[in-house]
Amino acid sequence: MGHFGFSYIGLIFLILLFIPNFFWTKRKPQEYTPQKENSILFCFERIRETLTCFCALCFSDFNWHGYSIWTWWLFAATLLMLLYELWWIRYFRSERKLNDFYSSFLGVPVAGATLPVIASLLLGIYGKVIWMIISTVILGIGHIGIHLKHRKEIER
């Protein structure tokens, strides 16, 4: 279920998530225009933002507990977050077109949305925090769904 307390690992993950997004606000894709989103997907995405941030910071279960079989989940989550950062580096070095923003990375479709979702899910598994797992599933429905929809639109 989870133990309330501050998670420095959760904070690190959130920093890795938010720093590139901050830079993105100043380096949006050339053809980017805010669009009216599917209200259900948008709702799922907003719920995720709140729940995932809360869970990442407020459950001490995500902190390092020493080596165990569960440590592999944390390593995998960390690897995915590092791949997410590499995806952002590739995006910022690109021409910053919509294709670049909704691109795949190392075979992961819409990697800018998919990698942090899976990383959050694995972090939830590592910490054995059901609330993080549930909020990440909600995140996946909204965030990845929106990105896939936009990807299809630009492929037309």
Protein backbone atom coordinates (compact mmCIF):
# COMPACT_ATOMS: atom_id res chain seq x y z
CA MET A 1 0.00 0.00 0.00
CA GLY A 2 2.78 2.44 0.82
CA HIS A 3 4.29 4.30 3.73
CA PHE A 4 3.87 8.05 3.90
CA GLY A 5 7.14 9.95 3.94
CA PHE A 6 9.33 11.96 1.62
CA SER A 7 10.90 10.17 -1.34
CA TYR A 8 14.14 11.59 -2.66
CA ILE A 9 14.05 9.05 -5.51
CA GLY A 10 10.59 10.32 -6.44
CA LEU A 11 11.90 13.89 -6.36
CA ILE A 12 14.79 12.95 -8.68
CA PHE A 13 12.36 11.30 -11.11
CA LEU A 14 10.12 14.38 -11.09
CA ILE A 15 13.09 16.67 -11.70
CA LEU A 16 14.14 14.47 -14.63
CA LEU A 17 10.59 14.71 -15.92
CA PHE A 18 10.01 18.44 -15.47
CA ILE A 19 13.33 20.03 -16.49
CA PRO A 20 13.08 19.07 -20.19
CA ASN A 21 9.41 20.04 -20.21
CA PHE A 22 10.37 23.48 -18.90
CA PHE A 23 12.82 23.92 -21.80
CA TRP A 24 10.19 22.59 -24.20
CA THR A 25 7.91 25.54 -23.38
CA LYS A 26 10.50 27.75 -25.07
CA ARG A 27 11.36 25.28 -27.86
CA LYS A 28 8.05 23.87 -29.02
CA PRO A 29 7.80 22.15 -32.41
CA GLN A 30 7.60 24.56 -35.33
CA GLU A 31 4.07 23.58 -36.37
CA TYR A 32 2.80 23.16 -32.83
CA THR A 33 -0.55 24.68 -31.97
CA PRO A 34 -2.53 23.98 -28.83
CA GLN A 35 -5.42 21.74 -29.79
CA LYS A 36 -8.65 20.87 -28.11
CA GLU A 37 -7.98 17.45 -26.64
CA ASN A 38 -10.37 14.59 -26.23
CA SER A 39 -11.95 15.53 -22.89
CA ILE A 40 -11.70 12.00 -21.47
CA LEU A 41 -8.02 11.64 -22.36
CA PHE A 42 -7.33 15.16 -21.10
CA CYS A 43 -9.06 14.36 -17.80
CA PHE A 44 -7.04 11.14 -17.38
CA GLU A 45 -3.85 13.09 -18.07
CA ARG A 46 -4.62 15.80 -15.50
CA ILE A 47 -5.57 13.28 -12.83
CA ARG A 48 -2.27 11.54 -13.52
CA GLU A 49 -0.25 14.66 -13.07
CA THR A 50 -1.68 15.22 -9.65
CA LEU A 51 -1.68 11.63 -8.42
CA THR A 52 1.71 10.65 -9.81
CA CYS A 53 3.46 13.72 -8.42
CA PHE A 54 1.83 13.19 -5.05
CA CYS A 55 2.76 9.50 -4.98
CA ALA A 56 6.33 10.07 -6.18
CA LEU A 57 7.01 12.58 -3.41
CA CYS A 58 4.90 11.29 -0.53
CA PHE A 59 5.72 7.57 -0.32
CA SER A 60 9.09 6.74 1.19
CA ASP A 61 8.86 3.25 -0.32
CA PHE A 62 10.59 4.57 -3.46
CA ASN A 63 13.79 5.39 -1.56
CA TRP A 64 16.74 3.04 -1.75
CA HIS A 65 16.31 -0.01 0.50
CA GLY A 66 19.52 -1.80 -0.40
CA TYR A 67 19.98 -4.58 -2.90
CA SER A 68 17.21 -7.14 -3.34
CA ILE A 69 15.34 -8.76 -6.20
CA TRP A 70 13.14 -5.63 -6.26
CA THR A 71 16.18 -3.45 -7.02
CA TRP A 72 15.97 -4.54 -10.67
CA TRP A 73 12.67 -2.66 -10.98
CA LEU A 74 14.37 0.52 -9.78
CA PHE A 75 17.29 0.01 -12.17
CA ALA A 76 14.88 -0.53 -15.06
CA ALA A 77 12.87 2.58 -14.11
CA THR A 78 16.08 4.61 -13.91
CA LEU A 79 17.24 3.31 -17.29
CA LEU A 80 13.94 4.36 -18.87
CA MET A 81 14.22 7.83 -17.34
CA LEU A 82 17.74 8.13 -18.75
CA LEU A 83 16.45 7.07 -22.16
CA TYR A 84 13.76 9.74 -21.77
CA GLU A 85 16.47 12.34 -21.19
CA LEU A 86 18.34 11.10 -24.28
CA TRP A 87 15.12 11.35 -26.29
CA TRP A 88 14.81 14.99 -25.19
CA ILE A 89 18.42 15.70 -26.18
CA ARG A 90 17.69 14.25 -29.61
CA TYR A 91 14.54 16.38 -29.85
CA PHE A 92 16.33 19.62 -28.86
CA ARG A 93 19.11 18.92 -31.36
CA SER A 94 16.61 18.22 -34.15
CA GLU A 95 14.79 20.70 -36.35
CA ARG A 96 12.02 20.54 -33.70
CA LYS A 97 9.20 19.63 -36.01
CA LEU A 98 6.06 17.79 -34.94
CA ASN A 99 7.53 14.56 -36.32
CA ASP A 100 10.47 14.99 -33.96
CA PHE A 101 8.23 15.63 -30.97
CA TYR A 102 6.03 12.57 -31.54
CA SER A 103 8.91 10.35 -32.61
CA SER A 104 9.90 6.88 -31.54
CA PHE A 105 13.19 6.21 -29.80
CA LEU A 106 14.96 2.86 -29.83
CA GLY A 107 11.73 1.22 -30.97
CA VAL A 108 9.57 2.85 -28.28
CA PRO A 109 6.61 4.59 -29.97
CA VAL A 110 5.90 8.21 -28.98
CA ALA A 111 8.86 7.92 -26.64
CA GLY A 112 8.39 11.33 -25.02
CA ALA A 113 5.15 10.07 -23.52
CA THR A 114 5.79 6.34 -23.26
CA LEU A 115 9.19 6.26 -21.53
CA PRO A 116 8.24 8.27 -18.43
CA VAL A 117 4.96 6.40 -18.09
CA ILE A 118 6.68 3.03 -18.06
CA ALA A 119 9.40 4.39 -15.76
CA SER A 120 6.72 5.57 -13.31
CA LEU A 121 5.00 2.19 -13.48
CA LEU A 122 8.26 0.39 -12.73
CA LEU A 123 8.97 2.79 -9.87
CA GLY A 124 5.54 1.94 -8.47
CA ILE A 125 6.34 -1.76 -8.73
CA TYR A 126 9.72 -1.23 -7.06
CA GLY A 127 8.11 0.61 -4.15
CA LYS A 128 5.12 -1.76 -4.11
CA VAL A 129 2.85 1.29 -3.98
CA ILE A 130 -0.48 0.41 -5.56
CA TRP A 131 -1.49 4.09 -5.70
CA MET A 132 1.49 4.88 -7.93
CA ILE A 133 0.70 1.93 -10.17
CA ILE A 134 -2.95 2.99 -10.50
CA SER A 135 -2.06 6.63 -11.18
CA THR A 136 0.48 5.53 -13.79
CA VAL A 137 -2.10 3.42 -15.59
CA ILE A 138 -4.33 6.49 -15.68
CA LEU A 139 -1.34 8.46 -16.96
CA GLY A 140 -0.79 5.94 -19.72
CA ILE A 141 -4.37 6.12 -20.90
CA GLY A 142 -4.36 9.91 -21.09
CA HIS A 143 -0.83 10.94 -21.92
CA ILE A 144 0.11 8.20 -24.35
CA GLY A 145 -3.38 8.27 -25.87
CA ILE A 146 -3.10 11.98 -26.61
CA HIS A 147 0.37 11.58 -28.12
CA LEU A 148 -0.73 8.68 -30.31
CA LYS A 149 -3.72 10.70 -31.52
CA HIS A 150 -1.46 13.61 -32.47
CA ARG A 151 1.00 11.26 -34.13
CA LYS A 152 -1.78 9.85 -36.34
CA GLU A 153 -2.95 13.37 -37.23
CA ILE A 154 0.48 14.47 -38.48
CA GLU A 155 0.94 11.26 -40.47
CA ARG A 156 -2.12 12.11 -42.60
